[in-house]
Amino acid sequence: MAGDNSLEEFLKTVDKSKFTNAPYAKRVEKPWGYEIHWAPENLPYMGKIIHITAGKRLSLQIHDKKQETQMLISGQCNLIQDDPSGNLITIKMEQNKGYTAAIGQRHRLHAVSDCDIIEVSTPEIGNTYRLEDDYARGTETEEIRKDPNRGWK
């Protein structure tokens, strides 16, 4: 609004050198498919598309610092996840609906067909404890994430 002094004061503090109009995408190969990260890693959030090949599944995992919400956008996928009593249940994901994994909640994606999932989350920080993994990968730490193959190739 015209004459709003708080806006004018705020605009004086904005560092325009941090503005960018450049697109961003980083492909991360995985043994079950791949991820396209579409939010730069220096932000306080992460956005990615997870592509899983039919019949493949991600590890049964727990995050100690990361919280995530996933939405199926194409294909068919099952989410295996702890219920509030700590029992693993299988959920047939519905397209265009969000499913959240809280910190400490076991979860795993299993592709029925080739599928694509959008994930938004806190940054890729802390540990991903792999309780079961079809590819014999261990815990993913922040150090392992610096490796382009993330310790699996």
N, C-alpha and C. Protein backbone atom coordinates (compact mmCIF):
# COMPACT_ATOMS: atom_id res chain seq x y z
N MET A 1 0.84 -1.18 0.00
CA MET A 1 0.00 0.00 0.00
C MET A 1 0.88 1.24 0.00
N ALA A 2 0.44 2.23 -0.70
CA ALA A 2 1.18 3.49 -0.75
C ALA A 2 1.23 4.08 0.66
N GLY A 3 2.40 4.57 1.02
CA GLY A 3 2.56 5.21 2.32
C GLY A 3 2.83 4.24 3.45
N ASP A 4 3.04 2.97 3.16
CA ASP A 4 3.30 1.98 4.21
C ASP A 4 4.80 2.04 4.54
N ASN A 5 5.13 2.68 5.66
CA ASN A 5 6.53 2.87 6.04
C ASN A 5 7.23 1.55 6.36
N SER A 6 6.50 0.56 6.91
CA SER A 6 7.15 -0.70 7.24
C SER A 6 7.62 -1.41 5.97
N LEU A 7 6.85 -1.33 4.91
CA LEU A 7 7.28 -1.93 3.64
C LEU A 7 8.50 -1.21 3.11
N GLU A 8 8.47 0.09 3.14
CA GLU A 8 9.63 0.86 2.65
C GLU A 8 10.88 0.54 3.45
N GLU A 9 10.75 0.41 4.75
CA GLU A 9 11.90 0.07 5.60
C GLU A 9 12.40 -1.34 5.29
N PHE A 10 11.46 -2.26 5.13
CA PHE A 10 11.85 -3.63 4.79
C PHE A 10 12.60 -3.67 3.47
N LEU A 11 12.10 -2.98 2.44
CA LEU A 11 12.72 -3.02 1.12
C LEU A 11 14.15 -2.48 1.14
N LYS A 12 14.44 -1.60 2.07
CA LYS A 12 15.81 -1.08 2.21
C LYS A 12 16.77 -2.17 2.70
N THR A 13 16.25 -3.22 3.34
CA THR A 13 17.11 -4.27 3.90
C THR A 13 17.30 -5.44 2.95
N VAL A 14 16.57 -5.46 1.84
CA VAL A 14 16.63 -6.59 0.91
C VAL A 14 17.94 -6.56 0.13
N ASP A 15 18.64 -7.71 0.13
CA ASP A 15 19.89 -7.85 -0.62
C ASP A 15 19.55 -8.40 -2.00
N LYS A 16 19.44 -7.54 -2.98
CA LYS A 16 19.04 -7.95 -4.32
C LYS A 16 20.12 -8.77 -5.03
N SER A 17 21.34 -8.77 -4.50
CA SER A 17 22.38 -9.60 -5.12
C SER A 17 22.07 -11.09 -4.97
N LYS A 18 21.16 -11.44 -4.06
CA LYS A 18 20.77 -12.85 -3.87
C LYS A 18 19.62 -13.25 -4.79
N PHE A 19 19.06 -12.32 -5.53
CA PHE A 19 17.99 -12.64 -6.48
C PHE A 19 18.58 -13.43 -7.64
N THR A 20 17.84 -14.40 -8.13
CA THR A 20 18.27 -15.14 -9.31
C THR A 20 17.06 -15.45 -10.17
N ASN A 21 17.29 -15.49 -11.45
CA ASN A 21 16.26 -15.89 -12.39
C ASN A 21 16.66 -17.16 -13.13
N ALA A 22 17.75 -17.76 -12.68
CA ALA A 22 18.27 -18.96 -13.33
C ALA A 22 17.48 -20.19 -12.89
N PRO A 23 17.13 -21.06 -13.83
CA PRO A 23 16.46 -22.30 -13.44
C PRO A 23 17.44 -23.24 -12.75
N TYR A 24 16.91 -24.20 -12.00
CA TYR A 24 17.77 -25.14 -11.28
C TYR A 24 17.18 -26.55 -11.40
N ALA A 25 18.02 -27.51 -11.65
CA ALA A 25 17.66 -28.93 -11.59
C ALA A 25 18.94 -29.73 -11.43
N LYS A 26 18.88 -30.73 -10.56
CA LYS A 26 20.02 -31.63 -10.35
C LYS A 26 19.47 -33.05 -10.34
N ARG A 27 19.98 -33.88 -11.23
CA ARG A 27 19.54 -35.28 -11.29
C ARG A 27 20.45 -36.11 -10.40
N VAL A 28 19.85 -36.92 -9.53
CA VAL A 28 20.58 -37.81 -8.64
C VAL A 28 20.16 -39.24 -8.97
N GLU A 29 21.10 -40.02 -9.50
CA GLU A 29 20.81 -41.41 -9.86
C GLU A 29 20.65 -42.25 -8.61
N LYS A 30 19.71 -43.16 -8.64
CA LYS A 30 19.45 -44.08 -7.53
C LYS A 30 19.33 -45.48 -8.10
N PRO A 31 19.56 -46.51 -7.31
CA PRO A 31 19.46 -47.87 -7.85
C PRO A 31 18.02 -48.26 -8.22
N TRP A 32 17.06 -47.55 -7.71
CA TRP A 32 15.65 -47.83 -7.99
C TRP A 32 15.04 -46.88 -9.02
N GLY A 33 15.83 -45.92 -9.50
CA GLY A 33 15.35 -44.90 -10.45
C GLY A 33 16.22 -43.67 -10.36
N TYR A 34 15.59 -42.51 -10.12
CA TYR A 34 16.35 -41.27 -9.98
C TYR A 34 15.50 -40.22 -9.29
N GLU A 35 16.18 -39.16 -8.87
CA GLU A 35 15.52 -37.98 -8.30
C GLU A 35 15.92 -36.76 -9.13
N ILE A 36 15.01 -35.84 -9.28
CA ILE A 36 15.31 -34.52 -9.84
C ILE A 36 15.09 -33.52 -8.71
N HIS A 37 16.18 -32.95 -8.22
CA HIS A 37 16.07 -31.91 -7.18
C HIS A 37 15.82 -30.59 -7.89
N TRP A 38 14.75 -29.90 -7.54
CA TRP A 38 14.40 -28.65 -8.21
C TRP A 38 14.46 -27.44 -7.28
N ALA A 39 14.93 -27.65 -6.06
CA ALA A 39 15.20 -26.54 -5.14
C ALA A 39 16.69 -26.60 -4.81
N PRO A 40 17.42 -25.50 -4.96
CA PRO A 40 18.84 -25.51 -4.65
C PRO A 40 19.11 -25.94 -3.21
N GLU A 41 20.25 -26.59 -3.01
CA GLU A 41 20.56 -27.20 -1.71
C GLU A 41 20.83 -26.20 -0.60
N ASN A 42 21.02 -24.92 -0.91
CA ASN A 42 21.32 -23.94 0.13
C ASN A 42 20.06 -23.30 0.73
N LEU A 43 18.89 -23.80 0.37
CA LEU A 43 17.64 -23.25 0.87
C LEU A 43 17.17 -24.02 2.11
N PRO A 44 16.28 -23.45 2.90
CA PRO A 44 15.81 -24.13 4.11
C PRO A 44 14.71 -25.16 3.84
N TYR A 45 14.58 -25.59 2.61
CA TYR A 45 13.61 -26.61 2.21
C TYR A 45 14.15 -27.34 1.00
N MET A 46 13.55 -28.50 0.68
CA MET A 46 13.96 -29.28 -0.49
C MET A 46 12.71 -29.61 -1.29
N GLY A 47 12.85 -29.60 -2.61
CA GLY A 47 11.80 -30.05 -3.52
C GLY A 47 12.41 -31.01 -4.52
N LYS A 48 11.74 -32.14 -4.74
CA LYS A 48 12.29 -33.12 -5.68
C LYS A 48 11.17 -33.91 -6.32
N ILE A 49 11.48 -34.46 -7.49
CA ILE A 49 10.63 -35.45 -8.14
C ILE A 49 11.36 -36.77 -8.00
N ILE A 50 10.66 -37.77 -7.49
CA ILE A 50 11.22 -39.11 -7.32
C ILE A 50 10.61 -39.99 -8.41
N HIS A 51 11.47 -40.55 -9.26
CA HIS A 51 11.00 -41.50 -10.29
C HIS A 51 11.43 -42.89 -9.87
N ILE A 52 10.46 -43.80 -9.71
CA ILE A 52 10.75 -45.17 -9.29
C ILE A 52 10.33 -46.12 -10.41
N THR A 53 11.24 -47.00 -10.79
CA THR A 53 10.98 -48.00 -11.82
C THR A 53 10.04 -49.08 -11.26
N ALA A 54 9.13 -49.56 -12.10
CA ALA A 54 8.15 -50.57 -11.70
C ALA A 54 8.81 -51.73 -10.96
N GLY A 55 8.21 -52.11 -9.83
CA GLY A 55 8.70 -53.24 -9.04
C GLY A 55 9.81 -52.90 -8.07
N LYS A 56 10.41 -51.73 -8.20
CA LYS A 56 11.51 -51.33 -7.31
C LYS A 56 10.95 -50.67 -6.06
N ARG A 57 11.78 -50.65 -5.03
CA ARG A 57 11.35 -49.98 -3.81
C ARG A 57 12.53 -49.28 -3.15
N LEU A 58 12.22 -48.23 -2.44
CA LEU A 58 13.21 -47.51 -1.66
C LEU A 58 13.46 -48.29 -0.38
N SER A 59 14.47 -47.91 0.35
CA SER A 59 14.76 -48.58 1.61
C SER A 59 13.64 -48.31 2.62
N LEU A 60 13.48 -49.24 3.56
CA LEU A 60 12.67 -48.97 4.73
C LEU A 60 13.55 -48.09 5.59
N GLN A 61 13.12 -46.88 5.87
CA GLN A 61 14.02 -45.89 6.44
C GLN A 61 13.35 -45.05 7.52
N ILE A 62 14.22 -44.43 8.32
CA ILE A 62 13.83 -43.45 9.33
C ILE A 62 14.76 -42.26 9.20
N HIS A 63 14.22 -41.06 9.28
CA HIS A 63 15.04 -39.84 9.31
C HIS A 63 15.09 -39.31 10.74
N ASP A 64 16.27 -38.81 11.11
CA ASP A 64 16.40 -38.23 12.45
C ASP A 64 16.22 -36.72 12.48
N LYS A 65 16.28 -36.06 11.30
CA LYS A 65 16.11 -34.61 11.25
C LYS A 65 15.19 -34.16 10.13
N LYS A 66 14.98 -34.99 9.15
CA LYS A 66 14.22 -34.61 7.95
C LYS A 66 12.77 -35.03 8.09
N GLN A 67 11.88 -34.12 7.72
CA GLN A 67 10.45 -34.43 7.63
C GLN A 67 10.04 -34.20 6.18
N GLU A 68 9.16 -35.06 5.65
CA GLU A 68 8.83 -34.97 4.23
C GLU A 68 7.36 -35.25 3.98
N THR A 69 6.86 -34.65 2.90
CA THR A 69 5.52 -34.93 2.41
C THR A 69 5.65 -35.28 0.93
N GLN A 70 4.98 -36.37 0.54
CA GLN A 70 5.08 -36.86 -0.83
C GLN A 70 3.70 -36.92 -1.46
N MET A 71 3.67 -36.71 -2.79
CA MET A 71 2.43 -36.76 -3.54
C MET A 71 2.67 -37.50 -4.84
N LEU A 72 1.89 -38.54 -5.09
CA LEU A 72 1.97 -39.31 -6.32
C LEU A 72 1.36 -38.50 -7.46
N ILE A 73 2.15 -38.31 -8.54
CA ILE A 73 1.62 -37.54 -9.67
C ILE A 73 1.40 -38.40 -10.91
N SER A 74 2.04 -39.59 -10.99
CA SER A 74 1.77 -40.50 -12.10
C SER A 74 2.14 -41.91 -11.69
N GLY A 75 1.47 -42.88 -12.30
CA GLY A 75 1.74 -44.27 -12.02
C GLY A 75 1.03 -44.76 -10.77
N GLN A 76 1.50 -45.92 -10.29
CA GLN A 76 0.93 -46.53 -9.09
C GLN A 76 2.05 -46.83 -8.11
N CYS A 77 1.82 -46.50 -6.83
CA CYS A 77 2.84 -46.69 -5.81
C CYS A 77 2.18 -47.00 -4.47
N ASN A 78 2.82 -47.89 -3.73
CA ASN A 78 2.39 -48.16 -2.36
C ASN A 78 3.35 -47.49 -1.39
N LEU A 79 2.80 -46.95 -0.34
CA LEU A 79 3.58 -46.38 0.76
C LEU A 79 3.45 -47.34 1.93
N ILE A 80 4.58 -47.82 2.41
CA ILE A 80 4.60 -48.65 3.61
C ILE A 80 5.08 -47.73 4.72
N GLN A 81 4.28 -47.61 5.79
CA GLN A 81 4.56 -46.57 6.79
C GLN A 81 4.02 -46.99 8.15
N ASP A 82 4.70 -46.53 9.21
CA ASP A 82 4.20 -46.75 10.56
C ASP A 82 2.85 -46.07 10.76
N ASP A 83 1.93 -46.78 11.40
CA ASP A 83 0.70 -46.12 11.86
C ASP A 83 0.98 -45.55 13.26
N PRO A 84 0.03 -44.87 13.88
CA PRO A 84 0.29 -44.27 15.20
C PRO A 84 0.65 -45.29 16.29
N SER A 85 0.34 -46.58 16.09
CA SER A 85 0.71 -47.60 17.07
C SER A 85 2.08 -48.22 16.78
N GLY A 86 2.74 -47.78 15.69
CA GLY A 86 4.05 -48.32 15.33
C GLY A 86 3.99 -49.57 14.48
N ASN A 87 2.82 -49.89 13.92
CA ASN A 87 2.68 -51.03 13.03
C ASN A 87 2.87 -50.56 11.59
N LEU A 88 3.65 -51.33 10.82
CA LEU A 88 3.81 -51.00 9.40
C LEU A 88 2.54 -51.38 8.65
N ILE A 89 2.00 -50.43 7.90
CA ILE A 89 0.82 -50.68 7.08
C ILE A 89 1.14 -50.29 5.65
N THR A 90 0.42 -50.86 4.70
CA THR A 90 0.59 -50.55 3.29
C THR A 90 -0.57 -49.68 2.84
N ILE A 91 -0.24 -48.55 2.24
CA ILE A 91 -1.22 -47.59 1.76
C ILE A 91 -1.08 -47.49 0.25
N LYS A 92 -2.17 -47.72 -0.48
CA LYS A 92 -2.16 -47.49 -1.92
C LYS A 92 -2.27 -45.97 -2.11
N MET A 93 -1.19 -45.36 -2.58
CA MET A 93 -1.19 -43.90 -2.72
C MET A 93 -2.22 -43.46 -3.76
N GLU A 94 -2.91 -42.39 -3.46
CA GLU A 94 -3.86 -41.78 -4.39
C GLU A 94 -3.18 -40.58 -5.03
N GLN A 95 -3.38 -40.42 -6.33
CA GLN A 95 -2.77 -39.28 -7.01
C GLN A 95 -3.30 -37.97 -6.44
N ASN A 96 -2.39 -37.00 -6.40
CA ASN A 96 -2.70 -35.62 -5.99
C ASN A 96 -3.15 -35.49 -4.55
N LYS A 97 -2.71 -36.41 -3.70
CA LYS A 97 -2.95 -36.32 -2.26
C LYS A 97 -1.61 -36.48 -1.55
N GLY A 98 -1.41 -35.70 -0.49
CA GLY A 98 -0.15 -35.71 0.23
C GLY A 98 -0.09 -36.74 1.34
N TYR A 99 1.09 -37.32 1.52
CA TYR A 99 1.36 -38.29 2.57
C TYR A 99 2.63 -37.84 3.29
N THR A 100 2.55 -37.66 4.60
CA THR A 100 3.66 -37.11 5.37
C THR A 100 4.33 -38.18 6.21
N ALA A 101 5.65 -38.15 6.21
CA ALA A 101 6.46 -38.99 7.11
C ALA A 101 7.10 -38.06 8.14
N ALA A 102 6.75 -38.27 9.39
CA ALA A 102 7.30 -37.46 10.48
C ALA A 102 8.70 -37.94 10.83
N ILE A 103 9.44 -37.11 11.52
CA ILE A 103 10.76 -37.51 12.01
C ILE A 103 10.58 -38.75 12.89
N GLY A 104 11.37 -39.80 12.62
CA GLY A 104 11.31 -41.03 13.39
C GLY A 104 10.28 -42.03 12.93
N GLN A 105 9.50 -41.72 11.89
CA GLN A 105 8.47 -42.63 11.40
C GLN A 105 9.03 -43.49 10.27
N ARG A 106 8.96 -44.81 10.42
CA ARG A 106 9.43 -45.70 9.36
C ARG A 106 8.56 -45.52 8.12
N HIS A 107 9.22 -45.56 6.95
CA HIS A 107 8.48 -45.43 5.69
C HIS A 107 9.29 -46.00 4.54
N ARG A 108 8.57 -46.34 3.46
CA ARG A 108 9.19 -46.92 2.26
C ARG A 108 8.20 -46.75 1.11
N LEU A 109 8.71 -46.47 -0.08
CA LEU A 109 7.90 -46.41 -1.29
C LEU A 109 8.17 -47.66 -2.12
N HIS A 110 7.10 -48.24 -2.70
CA HIS A 110 7.22 -49.43 -3.53
C HIS A 110 6.41 -49.20 -4.80
N ALA A 111 7.10 -49.13 -5.93
CA ALA A 111 6.44 -48.83 -7.21
C ALA A 111 5.72 -50.05 -7.74
N VAL A 112 4.42 -49.93 -7.98
CA VAL A 112 3.63 -50.96 -8.62
C VAL A 112 3.87 -50.88 -10.13
N SER A 113 3.91 -49.65 -10.65
CA SER A 113 4.27 -49.36 -12.04
C SER A 113 5.32 -48.27 -12.00
N ASP A 114 5.92 -47.93 -13.14
CA ASP A 114 6.77 -46.75 -13.15
C ASP A 114 5.95 -45.61 -12.56
N CYS A 115 6.54 -44.84 -11.68
CA CYS A 115 5.76 -43.77 -11.05
C CYS A 115 6.64 -42.57 -10.76
N ASP A 116 5.98 -41.43 -10.61
CA ASP A 116 6.64 -40.17 -10.26
C ASP A 116 5.94 -39.59 -9.05
N ILE A 117 6.76 -39.14 -8.10
CA ILE A 117 6.28 -38.60 -6.84
C ILE A 117 6.96 -37.27 -6.61
N ILE A 118 6.19 -36.27 -6.21
CA ILE A 118 6.76 -34.99 -5.79
C ILE A 118 6.97 -35.06 -4.29
N GLU A 119 8.15 -34.64 -3.85
CA GLU A 119 8.44 -34.58 -2.43
C GLU A 119 8.87 -33.18 -2.06
N VAL A 120 8.31 -32.67 -0.97
CA VAL A 120 8.78 -31.44 -0.35
C VAL A 120 9.20 -31.82 1.06
N SER A 121 10.27 -31.20 1.53
CA SER A 121 10.78 -31.60 2.84
C SER A 121 11.65 -30.51 3.43
N THR A 122 12.03 -30.75 4.68
CA THR A 122 13.10 -29.98 5.26
C THR A 122 14.36 -30.32 4.46
N PRO A 123 15.45 -29.59 4.64
CA PRO A 123 16.65 -29.90 3.85
C PRO A 123 17.13 -31.34 4.07
N GLU A 124 17.96 -31.80 3.16
CA GLU A 124 18.55 -33.14 3.26
C GLU A 124 19.66 -33.09 4.32
N ILE A 125 19.23 -33.16 5.58
CA ILE A 125 20.17 -33.07 6.70
C ILE A 125 20.01 -34.30 7.59
N GLY A 126 20.97 -34.48 8.47
CA GLY A 126 20.89 -35.60 9.41
C GLY A 126 21.13 -36.93 8.74
N ASN A 127 20.67 -37.97 9.40
CA ASN A 127 20.87 -39.34 8.92
C ASN A 127 19.58 -39.92 8.36
N THR A 128 19.73 -40.72 7.32
CA THR A 128 18.67 -41.59 6.84
C THR A 128 19.10 -42.99 7.25
N TYR A 129 18.45 -43.53 8.27
CA TYR A 129 18.76 -44.87 8.74
C TYR A 129 18.02 -45.88 7.87
N ARG A 130 18.76 -46.70 7.17
CA ARG A 130 18.16 -47.73 6.32
C ARG A 130 18.02 -49.01 7.12
N LEU A 131 16.80 -49.36 7.45
CA LEU A 131 16.53 -50.54 8.25
C LEU A 131 16.52 -51.79 7.38
N GLU A 132 16.06 -51.66 6.14
CA GLU A 132 16.10 -52.70 5.12
C GLU A 132 16.41 -52.01 3.81
N ASP A 133 17.25 -52.64 2.98
CA ASP A 133 17.59 -52.03 1.70
C ASP A 133 17.92 -53.11 0.68
N ASP A 134 17.22 -53.08 -0.45
CA ASP A 134 17.43 -54.08 -1.50
C ASP A 134 18.79 -53.95 -2.18
N TYR A 135 19.50 -52.88 -1.92
CA TYR A 135 20.77 -52.60 -2.60
C TYR A 135 21.95 -52.58 -1.63
N ALA A 136 21.75 -53.09 -0.42
CA ALA A 136 22.80 -53.23 0.60
C ALA A 136 23.47 -51.91 0.96
N ARG A 137 22.71 -50.82 0.89
CA ARG A 137 23.25 -49.52 1.30
C ARG A 137 23.06 -49.36 2.80
N GLY A 138 24.02 -48.69 3.42
CA GLY A 138 23.93 -48.43 4.85
C GLY A 138 23.27 -47.09 5.12
N THR A 139 23.45 -46.62 6.33
CA THR A 139 22.91 -45.32 6.72
C THR A 139 23.49 -44.24 5.81
N GLU A 140 22.61 -43.34 5.35
CA GLU A 140 23.06 -42.21 4.53
C GLU A 140 23.26 -41.02 5.46
N THR A 141 24.51 -40.57 5.53
CA THR A 141 24.88 -39.43 6.37
C THR A 141 25.05 -38.19 5.49
N GLU A 142 25.21 -37.06 6.12
CA GLU A 142 25.45 -35.83 5.36
C GLU A 142 26.74 -35.95 4.54
N GLU A 143 27.74 -36.65 5.06
CA GLU A 143 29.00 -36.85 4.34
C GLU A 143 28.78 -37.70 3.09
N ILE A 144 28.02 -38.78 3.19
CA ILE A 144 27.75 -39.64 2.04
C ILE A 144 26.98 -38.89 0.97
N ARG A 145 26.11 -37.95 1.35
CA ARG A 145 25.34 -37.19 0.37
C ARG A 145 26.23 -36.33 -0.53
N LYS A 146 27.45 -36.05 -0.12
CA LYS A 146 28.38 -35.27 -0.94
C LYS A 146 28.93 -36.11 -2.10
N ASP A 147 28.87 -37.44 -1.98
CA ASP A 147 29.32 -38.35 -3.03
C ASP A 147 28.25 -38.40 -4.11
N PRO A 148 28.61 -38.18 -5.38
CA PRO A 148 27.60 -38.18 -6.45
C PRO A 148 26.78 -39.47 -6.50
N ASN A 149 27.36 -40.60 -6.10
CA ASN A 149 26.64 -41.87 -6.11
C ASN A 149 26.02 -42.20 -4.76
N ARG A 150 26.23 -41.35 -3.80
CA ARG A 150 25.66 -41.51 -2.46
C ARG A 150 25.93 -42.90 -1.87
N GLY A 151 27.10 -43.42 -2.18
CA GLY A 151 27.56 -44.64 -1.53
C GLY A 151 26.97 -45.94 -2.04
N TRP A 152 26.32 -45.93 -3.21
CA TRP A 152 25.70 -47.19 -3.67
C TRP A 152 26.30 -47.76 -4.93
N LYS A 153 27.14 -47.04 -5.65
CA LYS A 153 27.60 -47.56 -6.94
C LYS A 153 28.92 -48.29 -6.80
